[in-house]
Structures are given as C-alpha cells and as structure tokens.
Amino acid sequence: MSTCVLLETDGAVSTLTLNRPQRLNTITPQLIADLRSALTAAQEDDAVRVIRLKGAGRAFCAGYDIDWGAESMREAEGDEPWDPMADLAMMSRFVDAYMSLWRSPKPVIAQVHGFCVGGGTDFALCSDLIVCSEDCRIGYPPARVWGSPTTAMWTYRLGLERSKRLLLTGDPLDGRRAVDWGLASECHPEAELDDKAMALCRRIALLPANQLHMMKVLVNQTIEQMGLHTTQLIGTLLDGAARHTPEGTAFSKAALDDVRAAVRDRDAPFGDYGQEPR
C-alpha cells in the first residue's frame, strides 16, 4: 500500500501530509492518487470540519519529480511528434487534483515550510489559506524554462503587477514577503509553525460545517466568474508548449543525464533555489 500521503485526524481537523521526504515531496502520479484518496476520506468524515495540508521532512513540496517527468516524456513520445492535446489531457488530471482542494466543501489550510516551488505551489495556491514559515521559499522557477503554471492562480491571488514580477523572473518569496504581499495569512518561525497552523485550523473549525462551505463557495465564485477555468486551460496548454521549446527540450535531455545539474544550471545565474533555505 502506498503512503505518499498520510492522513491523521485530531478532533475536527484532518491533516494530510505529503510523504516523499527523501525526494522533497516531489509530485508523481502515485502521490496525486494518494492525495485524492486521503482528501476523500477527510471529506467523508462528518466529524472533520477543516483539512490541513503539509509536507514531511525539509520541504512542503519541491514541484514535479523532474526525473519522472523527463523520463515520462521520453517514453511517451520517443521519436513521435508531440501531441499537444494528449499532453493537455495528461496534465489536466494533475490540475483536477489540485482543484479538488479548491472545490473541497471543507476549508483547506496549507502549512508551508522549506521549498514550495513549481508544481508544489499549485497545492498551496489552490488551498484556501496559507500559513508559512518565515524562511520558506515560494516561487515558480519553471517560469525560467520547462513550465507554465497550470492552475494559473498567481494573478488571482496576487494581482497583475506582483504576479508578473514573480513569473517574469521565477524569483521566490520568503514567508515574510508572502504575508506582506497578501499571498499568505501568517508566517512564523519554523519551530512554531505546526502549532500555529493547527491553532488557526481549530479556530476555523468553531464554525458550523454548513457556514464554512457557504463562505468558501461565496468567495470562490468571485474568482471563478473572472474566468479561472479559461485561464487554467491556457496555462496547461502553455505548460506543454514550454516543455517542448528548444530550451525546454534541452532541459529535458540534460535532466535525463543529471537532474541536479540541469536545475543548477537553470537557476545558478539567479543565485536562489540552488541554496538551502536559511
């Protein structure tokens, strides 16, 4: 039985823990399948009112497992021409999993520490609230090469200027800046993060379940009426295109040889993600 996502319930709060710490909780199809199962179990538990999402080990989630992604591209395509619509169908399954957090009738609180980057940001940005450590790093380095944010949540959560500031550079935010920019509700020293995030979950859980669902539907509908579905369709199509540009193809080939070196070469000129969070 796979344990890529752990489920633990304490009173009215269920905690889902991304559990691939040896790989910084990077995303694979199995992790997504386990997330769906754990989320469904939490949603079907009538005693649960709030869901907390966090990561085991040193990071929340360091994005897609690039080893898996590059190898999957090689196996799926070989010498065949790239089919953008097959790519869209494949990536849409991941988008639907992230959006299951958005659609959850029970509020989802993302507890972010360490790296929350690339596809890992989709877990956080599709949650309802973010509570993070002061020295975390939240960003989308695939904006530099090999990706486009499929859930397209950056602009809806940050606005035009700040989302462009991050996506035109791939730069990360630390926890303090994330709160200052309105991306996160709270930041705390990492040693206090678990207790502080749980305290917020318990506070939210004081409301009746029906009120929580109604308030979430009300706010989410505002965003959806702004065209979220269409933006996500474009973002997911562009993600496939970004992986098949000349630069994206070169990155895939380099990752097959040495994924750490490929990532280091991409990010070294910026002097950020190659360094451990302080």
C-alpha atoms as a PDB file:
ATOM      1  CA  MET A   1       0.000   0.000   0.000  1.00  0.00           C
ATOM      2  CA  SER A   2       1.424   3.388  -0.997  1.00  0.00           C
ATOM      3  CA  THR A   3       1.949   6.007   1.687  1.00  0.00           C
ATOM      4  CA  CYS A   4       2.831   9.041  -0.424  1.00  0.00           C
ATOM      5  CA  VAL A   5       0.187  10.978   1.538  1.00  0.00           C
ATOM      6  CA  LEU A   6      -0.542  10.305   5.200  1.00  0.00           C
ATOM      7  CA  LEU A   7      -3.900  11.026   6.841  1.00  0.00           C
ATOM      8  CA  GLU A   8      -4.264  11.795  10.540  1.00  0.00           C
ATOM      9  CA  THR A   9      -7.377  13.164  12.240  1.00  0.00           C
ATOM     10  CA  ASP A  10      -7.385  15.062  15.536  1.00  0.00           C
ATOM     11  CA  GLY A  11     -10.861  16.184  16.542  1.00  0.00           C
ATOM     12  CA  ALA A  12     -12.339  18.400  13.830  1.00  0.00           C
ATOM     13  CA  VAL A  13      -9.063  18.713  11.894  1.00  0.00           C
ATOM     14  CA  SER A  14      -7.690  16.182   9.413  1.00  0.00           C
ATOM     15  CA  THR A  15      -4.038  16.546   8.421  1.00  0.00           C
ATOM     16  CA  LEU A  16      -2.830  15.367   5.016  1.00  0.00           C
ATOM     17  CA  THR A  17       0.957  15.046   4.885  1.00  0.00           C
ATOM     18  CA  LEU A  18       2.837  14.776   1.586  1.00  0.00           C
ATOM     19  CA  ASN A  19       5.193  11.932   2.423  1.00  0.00           C
ATOM     20  CA  ARG A  20       8.102  11.625  -0.002  1.00  0.00           C
ATOM     21  CA  PRO A  21      10.642  13.423   2.198  1.00  0.00           C
ATOM     22  CA  GLN A  22      13.625  11.759   0.544  1.00  0.00           C
ATOM     23  CA  ARG A  23      12.528  13.472  -2.710  1.00  0.00           C
ATOM     24  CA  LEU A  24      11.353  16.728  -1.087  1.00  0.00           C
ATOM     25  CA  ASN A  25       7.753  15.554  -1.598  1.00  0.00           C
ATOM     26  CA  THR A  26       8.009  15.982  -5.347  1.00  0.00           C
ATOM     27  CA  ILE A  27       4.914  15.168  -7.393  1.00  0.00           C
ATOM     28  CA  THR A  28       4.330  11.845  -9.149  1.00  0.00           C
ATOM     29  CA  PRO A  29       1.103  10.170 -10.315  1.00  0.00           C
ATOM     30  CA  GLN A  30       1.137   7.983  -7.194  1.00  0.00           C
ATOM     31  CA  LEU A  31       1.345  10.984  -4.876  1.00  0.00           C
ATOM     32  CA  ILE A  32      -1.608  12.554  -6.692  1.00  0.00           C
ATOM     33  CA  ALA A  33      -3.633   9.327  -6.414  1.00  0.00           C
ATOM     34  CA  ASP A  34      -2.874   9.115  -2.701  1.00  0.00           C
ATOM     35  CA  LEU A  35      -3.820  12.770  -2.209  1.00  0.00           C
ATOM     36  CA  ARG A  36      -7.207  12.151  -3.803  1.00  0.00           C
ATOM     37  CA  SER A  37      -7.826   9.131  -1.568  1.00  0.00           C
ATOM     38  CA  ALA A  38      -6.814  10.921   1.622  1.00  0.00           C
ATOM     39  CA  LEU A  39      -8.798  14.044   0.738  1.00  0.00           C
ATOM     40  CA  THR A  40     -11.905  11.981   0.008  1.00  0.00           C
ATOM     41  CA  ALA A  41     -11.583  10.197   3.356  1.00  0.00           C
ATOM     42  CA  ALA A  42     -11.310  13.516   5.189  1.00  0.00           C
ATOM     43  CA  GLN A  43     -14.270  14.968   3.310  1.00  0.00           C
ATOM     44  CA  GLU A  44     -16.439  11.939   4.106  1.00  0.00           C
ATOM     45  CA  ASP A  45     -15.681  12.087   7.841  1.00  0.00           C
ATOM     46  CA  ASP A  46     -18.595  14.022   9.348  1.00  0.00           C
ATOM     47  CA  ALA A  47     -16.539  14.926  12.425  1.00  0.00           C
ATOM     48  CA  VAL A  48     -13.984  16.812  10.302  1.00  0.00           C
ATOM     49  CA  ARG A  49     -14.537  20.487   9.503  1.00  0.00           C
ATOM     50  CA  VAL A  50     -11.064  21.642   8.406  1.00  0.00           C
ATOM     51  CA  ILE A  51      -8.276  19.991   6.415  1.00  0.00           C
ATOM     52  CA  ARG A  52      -4.610  20.853   6.896  1.00  0.00           C
ATOM     53  CA  LEU A  53      -2.085  20.087   4.130  1.00  0.00           C
ATOM     54  CA  LYS A  54       1.633  19.935   4.936  1.00  0.00           C
ATOM     55  CA  GLY A  55       4.840  18.216   3.865  1.00  0.00           C
ATOM     56  CA  ALA A  56       7.117  15.764   5.653  1.00  0.00           C
ATOM     57  CA  GLY A  57      10.824  16.436   6.056  1.00  0.00           C
ATOM     58  CA  ARG A  58      12.672  19.530   4.860  1.00  0.00           C
ATOM     59  CA  ALA A  59      10.130  20.901   2.381  1.00  0.00           C
ATOM     60  CA  PHE A  60       6.453  21.360   1.677  1.00  0.00           C
ATOM     61  CA  CYS A  61       6.791  20.313  -1.978  1.00  0.00           C
ATOM     62  CA  ALA A  62       9.617  20.928  -4.450  1.00  0.00           C
ATOM     63  CA  GLY A  63       7.390  20.616  -7.522  1.00  0.00           C
ATOM     64  CA  TYR A  64       7.182  17.773 -10.007  1.00  0.00           C
ATOM     65  CA  ASP A  65       9.679  14.950  -9.779  1.00  0.00           C
ATOM     66  CA  ILE A  66      11.846  16.003 -12.721  1.00  0.00           C
ATOM     67  CA  ASP A  67      13.398  12.535 -13.046  1.00  0.00           C
ATOM     68  CA  TRP A  68       9.919  11.101 -13.509  1.00  0.00           C
ATOM     69  CA  GLY A  69       8.797  13.936 -15.787  1.00  0.00           C
ATOM     70  CA  ALA A  70      11.751  13.807 -18.148  1.00  0.00           C
ATOM     71  CA  GLU A  71      11.656  10.013 -18.345  1.00  0.00           C
ATOM     72  CA  SER A  72       7.891  10.051 -18.946  1.00  0.00           C
ATOM     73  CA  MET A  73       8.329  12.476 -21.831  1.00  0.00           C
ATOM     74  CA  ARG A  74      10.996  10.259 -23.372  1.00  0.00           C
ATOM     75  CA  GLU A  75       8.918   7.096 -23.027  1.00  0.00           C
ATOM     76  CA  ALA A  76       5.638   8.644 -24.181  1.00  0.00           C
ATOM     77  CA  GLU A  77       6.989  10.441 -27.214  1.00  0.00           C
ATOM     78  CA  GLY A  78      10.113   8.667 -28.372  1.00  0.00           C
ATOM     79  CA  ASP A  79      10.613   9.689 -31.973  1.00  0.00           C
ATOM     80  CA  GLU A  80       6.933  10.546 -32.443  1.00  0.00           C
ATOM     81  CA  PRO A  81       5.735  14.141 -32.938  1.00  0.00           C
ATOM     82  CA  TRP A  82       4.466  15.851 -29.812  1.00  0.00           C
ATOM     83  CA  ASP A  83       0.667  15.791 -29.468  1.00  0.00           C
ATOM     84  CA  PRO A  84      -0.362  18.921 -27.535  1.00  0.00           C
ATOM     85  CA  MET A  85      -3.877  17.636 -26.880  1.00  0.00           C
ATOM     86  CA  ALA A  86      -2.616  14.357 -25.418  1.00  0.00           C
ATOM     87  CA  ASP A  87      -0.318  16.458 -23.249  1.00  0.00           C
ATOM     88  CA  LEU A  88      -3.297  18.599 -22.206  1.00  0.00           C
ATOM     89  CA  ALA A  89      -5.290  15.506 -21.232  1.00  0.00           C
ATOM     90  CA  MET A  90      -2.400  14.175 -19.152  1.00  0.00           C
ATOM     91  CA  MET A  91      -1.660  17.428 -17.317  1.00  0.00           C
ATOM     92  CA  SER A  92      -5.347  18.195 -16.796  1.00  0.00           C
ATOM     93  CA  ARG A  93      -5.508  15.196 -14.467  1.00  0.00           C
ATOM     94  CA  PHE A  94      -2.973  16.908 -12.214  1.00  0.00           C
ATOM     95  CA  VAL A  95      -4.830  20.221 -12.417  1.00  0.00           C
ATOM     96  CA  ASP A  96      -8.051  18.492 -11.427  1.00  0.00           C
ATOM     97  CA  ALA A  97      -6.321  17.052  -8.357  1.00  0.00           C
ATOM     98  CA  TYR A  98      -5.088  20.493  -7.243  1.00  0.00           C
ATOM     99  CA  MET A  99      -8.529  21.944  -7.851  1.00  0.00           C
ATOM    100  CA  SER A 100     -10.064  19.252  -5.657  1.00  0.00           C
ATOM    101  CA  LEU A 101      -8.580  21.295  -2.795  1.00  0.00           C
ATOM    102  CA  TRP A 102     -10.268  24.421  -4.184  1.00  0.00           C
ATOM    103  CA  ARG A 103     -13.586  22.586  -4.561  1.00  0.00           C
ATOM    104  CA  SER A 104     -13.435  20.846  -1.187  1.00  0.00           C
ATOM    105  CA  PRO A 105     -16.527  21.728   0.885  1.00  0.00           C
ATOM    106  CA  LYS A 106     -14.223  21.756   3.909  1.00  0.00           C
ATOM    107  CA  PRO A 107     -11.619  24.559   4.075  1.00  0.00           C
ATOM    108  CA  VAL A 108      -8.046  23.524   3.300  1.00  0.00           C
ATOM    109  CA  ILE A 109      -5.162  25.233   5.097  1.00  0.00           C
ATOM    110  CA  ALA A 110      -1.701  24.816   3.534  1.00  0.00           C
ATOM    111  CA  GLN A 111       1.121  24.720   6.076  1.00  0.00           C
ATOM    112  CA  VAL A 112       4.223  25.645   4.074  1.00  0.00           C
ATOM    113  CA  HIS A 113       7.866  25.275   5.100  1.00  0.00           C
ATOM    114  CA  GLY A 114      11.117  24.895   3.197  1.00  0.00           C
ATOM    115  CA  PHE A 115      10.618  24.844  -0.554  1.00  0.00           C
ATOM    116  CA  CYS A 116       7.166  25.329  -2.089  1.00  0.00           C
ATOM    117  CA  VAL A 117       8.102  25.646  -5.748  1.00  0.00           C
ATOM    118  CA  GLY A 118       6.982  24.722  -9.246  1.00  0.00           C
ATOM    119  CA  GLY A 119       4.022  22.375  -9.174  1.00  0.00           C
ATOM    120  CA  GLY A 120       4.194  22.410  -5.393  1.00  0.00           C
ATOM    121  CA  THR A 121       2.801  25.939  -5.452  1.00  0.00           C
ATOM    122  CA  ASP A 122      -0.384  24.549  -7.018  1.00  0.00           C
ATOM    123  CA  PHE A 123      -1.087  22.643  -3.795  1.00  0.00           C
ATOM    124  CA  ALA A 124      -0.710  25.843  -1.770  1.00  0.00           C
ATOM    125  CA  LEU A 125      -2.414  28.272  -4.150  1.00  0.00           C
ATOM    126  CA  CYS A 126      -5.453  26.010  -4.599  1.00  0.00           C
ATOM    127  CA  SER A 127      -5.845  25.724  -0.832  1.00  0.00           C
ATOM    128  CA  ASP A 128      -7.988  28.297   0.952  1.00  0.00           C
ATOM    129  CA  LEU A 129      -5.367  29.807   3.251  1.00  0.00           C
ATOM    130  CA  ILE A 130      -1.583  29.611   3.554  1.00  0.00           C
ATOM    131  CA  VAL A 131       0.347  29.662   6.825  1.00  0.00           C
ATOM    132  CA  CYS A 132       4.083  29.512   6.264  1.00  0.00           C
ATOM    133  CA  SER A 133       7.478  29.592   7.922  1.00  0.00           C
ATOM    134  CA  GLU A 134       9.398  32.854   7.853  1.00  0.00           C
ATOM    135  CA  ASP A 135      12.256  31.389   5.821  1.00  0.00           C
ATOM    136  CA  CYS A 136      10.280  29.289   3.339  1.00  0.00           C
ATOM    137  CA  ARG A 137      10.672  29.847  -0.398  1.00  0.00           C
ATOM    138  CA  ILE A 138       7.552  30.070  -2.519  1.00  0.00           C
ATOM    139  CA  GLY A 139       8.079  30.510  -6.246  1.00  0.00           C
ATOM    140  CA  TYR A 140       7.825  29.167  -9.759  1.00  0.00           C
ATOM    141  CA  PRO A 141      11.343  28.532 -11.157  1.00  0.00           C
ATOM    142  CA  PRO A 142       9.971  26.629 -14.205  1.00  0.00           C
ATOM    143  CA  ALA A 143       8.952  30.089 -15.475  1.00  0.00           C
ATOM    144  CA  ARG A 144      12.634  30.307 -16.488  1.00  0.00           C
ATOM    145  CA  VAL A 145      12.438  27.144 -18.580  1.00  0.00           C
ATOM    146  CA  TRP A 146      10.267  23.996 -18.811  1.00  0.00           C
ATOM    147  CA  GLY A 147       6.962  25.187 -17.443  1.00  0.00           C
ATOM    148  CA  SER A 148       3.889  27.380 -17.165  1.00  0.00           C
ATOM    149  CA  PRO A 149       1.720  27.409 -14.005  1.00  0.00           C
ATOM    150  CA  THR A 150      -1.150  25.109 -14.939  1.00  0.00           C
ATOM    151  CA  THR A 151      -3.603  26.258 -12.255  1.00  0.00           C
ATOM    152  CA  ALA A 152      -2.807  29.907 -13.129  1.00  0.00           C
ATOM    153  CA  MET A 153      -3.584  31.028  -9.581  1.00  0.00           C
ATOM    154  CA  TRP A 154      -0.799  33.600  -9.235  1.00  0.00           C
ATOM    155  CA  THR A 155      -2.672  36.560 -10.734  1.00  0.00           C
ATOM    156  CA  TYR A 156      -5.924  35.741  -8.952  1.00  0.00           C
ATOM    157  CA  ARG A 157      -4.130  35.675  -5.601  1.00  0.00           C
ATOM    158  CA  LEU A 158      -1.561  38.458  -6.130  1.00  0.00           C
ATOM    159  CA  GLY A 159      -2.812  40.758  -8.892  1.00  0.00           C
ATOM    160  CA  LEU A 160      -1.165  41.788 -12.153  1.00  0.00           C
ATOM    161  CA  GLU A 161       1.992  43.604 -11.056  1.00  0.00           C
ATOM    162  CA  ARG A 162       3.141  41.138  -8.431  1.00  0.00           C
ATOM    163  CA  SER A 163       2.291  38.007 -10.390  1.00  0.00           C
ATOM    164  CA  LYS A 164       4.268  39.348 -13.361  1.00  0.00           C
ATOM    165  CA  ARG A 165       7.130  40.251 -11.031  1.00  0.00           C
ATOM    166  CA  LEU A 166       7.372  36.596  -9.982  1.00  0.00           C
ATOM    167  CA  LEU A 167       6.634  34.915 -13.312  1.00  0.00           C
ATOM    168  CA  LEU A 168       8.922  37.132 -15.397  1.00  0.00           C
ATOM    169  CA  THR A 169      11.851  36.219 -13.160  1.00  0.00           C
ATOM    170  CA  GLY A 170      10.987  32.941 -11.435  1.00  0.00           C
ATOM    171  CA  ASP A 171      12.067  34.627  -8.189  1.00  0.00           C
ATOM    172  CA  PRO A 172      10.837  33.250  -4.859  1.00  0.00           C
ATOM    173  CA  LEU A 173       9.146  34.921  -1.909  1.00  0.00           C
ATOM    174  CA  ASP A 174      10.109  34.176   1.659  1.00  0.00           C
ATOM    175  CA  GLY A 175       7.385  33.855   4.289  1.00  0.00           C
ATOM    176  CA  ARG A 176       7.557  37.472   5.444  1.00  0.00           C
ATOM    177  CA  ARG A 177       7.198  38.797   1.902  1.00  0.00           C
ATOM    178  CA  ALA A 178       4.411  36.306   1.186  1.00  0.00           C
ATOM    179  CA  VAL A 179       2.408  37.744   4.088  1.00  0.00           C
ATOM    180  CA  ASP A 180       3.298  41.324   3.115  1.00  0.00           C
ATOM    181  CA  TRP A 181       2.077  40.705  -0.444  1.00  0.00           C
ATOM    182  CA  GLY A 182      -1.126  39.012   0.724  1.00  0.00           C
ATOM    183  CA  LEU A 183      -0.225  35.544  -0.548  1.00  0.00           C
ATOM    184  CA  ALA A 184      -0.198  34.026   2.948  1.00  0.00           C
ATOM    185  CA  SER A 185      -2.235  34.769   6.070  1.00  0.00           C
ATOM    186  CA  GLU A 186       0.519  34.221   8.642  1.00  0.00           C
ATOM    187  CA  CYS A 187       4.213  33.408   8.913  1.00  0.00           C
ATOM    188  CA  HIS A 188       6.048  32.079  11.955  1.00  0.00           C
ATOM    189  CA  PRO A 189       9.440  30.647  12.918  1.00  0.00           C
ATOM    190  CA  GLU A 190       9.522  27.098  11.596  1.00  0.00           C
ATOM    191  CA  ALA A 191       9.724  25.661  15.119  1.00  0.00           C
ATOM    192  CA  GLU A 192       6.333  27.238  15.881  1.00  0.00           C
ATOM    193  CA  LEU A 193       4.675  26.606  12.529  1.00  0.00           C
ATOM    194  CA  ASP A 194       2.955  23.322  13.317  1.00  0.00           C
ATOM    195  CA  ASP A 195       1.270  24.664  16.452  1.00  0.00           C
ATOM    196  CA  LYS A 196       0.299  27.979  14.856  1.00  0.00           C
ATOM    197  CA  ALA A 197      -1.219  26.349  11.774  1.00  0.00           C
ATOM    198  CA  MET A 198      -3.177  23.907  13.910  1.00  0.00           C
ATOM    199  CA  ALA A 199      -4.429  26.766  16.087  1.00  0.00           C
ATOM    200  CA  LEU A 200      -5.835  28.504  13.002  1.00  0.00           C
ATOM    201  CA  CYS A 201      -7.445  25.248  11.855  1.00  0.00           C
ATOM    202  CA  ARG A 202      -9.099  24.793  15.236  1.00  0.00           C
ATOM    203  CA  ARG A 203     -10.357  28.382  15.193  1.00  0.00           C
ATOM    204  CA  ILE A 204     -11.926  27.900  11.771  1.00  0.00           C
ATOM    205  CA  ALA A 205     -13.442  24.623  12.952  1.00  0.00           C
ATOM    206  CA  LEU A 206     -15.531  26.529  15.514  1.00  0.00           C
ATOM    207  CA  LEU A 207     -17.903  27.490  12.701  1.00  0.00           C
ATOM    208  CA  PRO A 208     -20.658  25.101  11.610  1.00  0.00           C
ATOM    209  CA  ALA A 209     -19.708  22.966   8.618  1.00  0.00           C
ATOM    210  CA  ASN A 210     -22.503  24.446   6.516  1.00  0.00           C
ATOM    211  CA  GLN A 211     -21.345  28.012   7.209  1.00  0.00           C
ATOM    212  CA  LEU A 212     -17.771  27.119   6.244  1.00  0.00           C
ATOM    213  CA  HIS A 213     -18.977  25.645   2.972  1.00  0.00           C
ATOM    214  CA  MET A 214     -21.171  28.660   2.196  1.00  0.00           C
ATOM    215  CA  MET A 215     -18.411  31.193   2.886  1.00  0.00           C
ATOM    216  CA  LYS A 216     -15.976  29.265   0.731  1.00  0.00           C
ATOM    217  CA  VAL A 217     -18.453  28.982  -2.162  1.00  0.00           C
ATOM    218  CA  LEU A 218     -19.166  32.712  -1.979  1.00  0.00           C
ATOM    219  CA  VAL A 219     -15.530  33.766  -2.246  1.00  0.00           C
ATOM    220  CA  ASN A 220     -14.534  31.118  -4.790  1.00  0.00           C
ATOM    221  CA  GLN A 221     -17.382  32.060  -7.108  1.00  0.00           C
ATOM    222  CA  THR A 222     -15.978  35.576  -7.354  1.00  0.00           C
ATOM    223  CA  ILE A 223     -12.714  34.187  -8.723  1.00  0.00           C
ATOM    224  CA  GLU A 224     -14.384  31.653 -10.997  1.00  0.00           C
ATOM    225  CA  GLN A 225     -16.551  34.358 -12.567  1.00  0.00           C
ATOM    226  CA  MET A 226     -13.333  36.160 -13.526  1.00  0.00           C
ATOM    227  CA  GLY A 227     -12.503  33.343 -15.946  1.00  0.00           C
ATOM    228  CA  LEU A 228     -10.459  30.905 -13.872  1.00  0.00           C
ATOM    229  CA  HIS A 229     -11.372  27.850 -15.965  1.00  0.00           C
ATOM    230  CA  THR A 230     -10.312  29.508 -19.222  1.00  0.00           C
ATOM    231  CA  THR A 231      -7.061  30.778 -17.709  1.00  0.00           C
ATOM    232  CA  GLN A 232      -6.242  27.298 -16.456  1.00  0.00           C
ATOM    233  CA  LEU A 233      -6.872  25.831 -19.900  1.00  0.00           C
ATOM    234  CA  ILE A 234      -4.392  28.308 -21.392  1.00  0.00           C
ATOM    235  CA  GLY A 235      -1.890  27.743 -18.601  1.00  0.00           C
ATOM    236  CA  THR A 236      -1.992  23.973 -19.053  1.00  0.00           C
ATOM    237  CA  LEU A 237      -1.597  24.217 -22.831  1.00  0.00           C
ATOM    238  CA  LEU A 238       1.330  26.607 -22.411  1.00  0.00           C
ATOM    239  CA  ASP A 239       2.936  24.239 -19.903  1.00  0.00           C
ATOM    240  CA  GLY A 240       3.110  21.548 -22.565  1.00  0.00           C
ATOM    241  CA  ALA A 241       4.464  24.057 -25.076  1.00  0.00           C
ATOM    242  CA  ALA A 242       7.112  25.237 -22.609  1.00  0.00           C
ATOM    243  CA  ARG A 243       8.403  21.687 -22.209  1.00  0.00           C
ATOM    244  CA  HIS A 244       8.793  21.416 -26.000  1.00  0.00           C
ATOM    245  CA  THR A 245      10.529  24.675 -26.851  1.00  0.00           C
ATOM    246  CA  PRO A 246      14.175  24.307 -27.914  1.00  0.00           C
ATOM    247  CA  GLU A 247      15.191  25.345 -24.395  1.00  0.00           C
ATOM    248  CA  GLY A 248      12.638  23.039 -22.777  1.00  0.00           C
ATOM    249  CA  THR A 249      13.748  20.054 -24.844  1.00  0.00           C
ATOM    250  CA  ALA A 250      17.379  20.762 -23.970  1.00  0.00           C
ATOM    251  CA  PHE A 251      16.446  20.918 -20.277  1.00  0.00           C
ATOM    252  CA  SER A 252      14.650  17.543 -20.528  1.00  0.00           C
ATOM    253  CA  LYS A 253      17.677  15.918 -22.138  1.00  0.00           C
ATOM    254  CA  ALA A 254      20.003  17.415 -19.531  1.00  0.00           C
ATOM    255  CA  ALA A 255      17.711  16.224 -16.734  1.00  0.00           C
ATOM    256  CA  LEU A 256      17.827  12.652 -18.050  1.00  0.00           C
ATOM    257  CA  ASP A 257      21.625  12.752 -17.653  1.00  0.00           C
ATOM    258  CA  ASP A 258      21.799  14.628 -14.330  1.00  0.00           C
ATOM    259  CA  VAL A 259      18.694  16.301 -12.920  1.00  0.00           C
ATOM    260  CA  ARG A 260      20.569  18.183 -10.190  1.00  0.00           C
ATOM    261  CA  ALA A 261      22.987  19.658 -12.713  1.00  0.00           C
ATOM    262  CA  ALA A 262      20.134  20.664 -15.045  1.00  0.00           C
ATOM    263  CA  VAL A 263      18.311  22.500 -12.260  1.00  0.00           C
ATOM    264  CA  ARG A 264      21.535  24.063 -11.013  1.00  0.00           C
ATOM    265  CA  ASP A 265      22.417  25.358 -14.475  1.00  0.00           C
ATOM    266  CA  ARG A 266      18.930  26.850 -14.868  1.00  0.00           C
ATOM    267  CA  ASP A 267      18.926  28.657 -11.528  1.00  0.00           C
ATOM    268  CA  ALA A 268      22.609  29.459 -10.954  1.00  0.00           C
ATOM    269  CA  PRO A 269      22.503  32.890 -12.688  1.00  0.00           C
ATOM    270  CA  PHE A 270      19.782  33.951 -10.238  1.00  0.00           C
ATOM    271  CA  GLY A 271      21.549  32.729  -7.092  1.00  0.00           C
ATOM    272  CA  ASP A 272      18.425  31.486  -5.335  1.00  0.00           C
ATOM    273  CA  TYR A 273      16.976  27.974  -5.475  1.00  0.00           C
ATOM    274  CA  GLY A 274      20.379  26.281  -5.556  1.00  0.00           C
ATOM    275  CA  GLN A 275      20.915  27.421  -1.998  1.00  0.00           C
ATOM    276  CA  GLU A 276      19.312  25.824   1.055  1.00  0.00           C
ATOM    277  CA  PRO A 277      16.660  27.924   2.832  1.00  0.00           C
ATOM    278  CA  ARG A 278      18.187  29.803   5.743  1.00  0.00           C
END
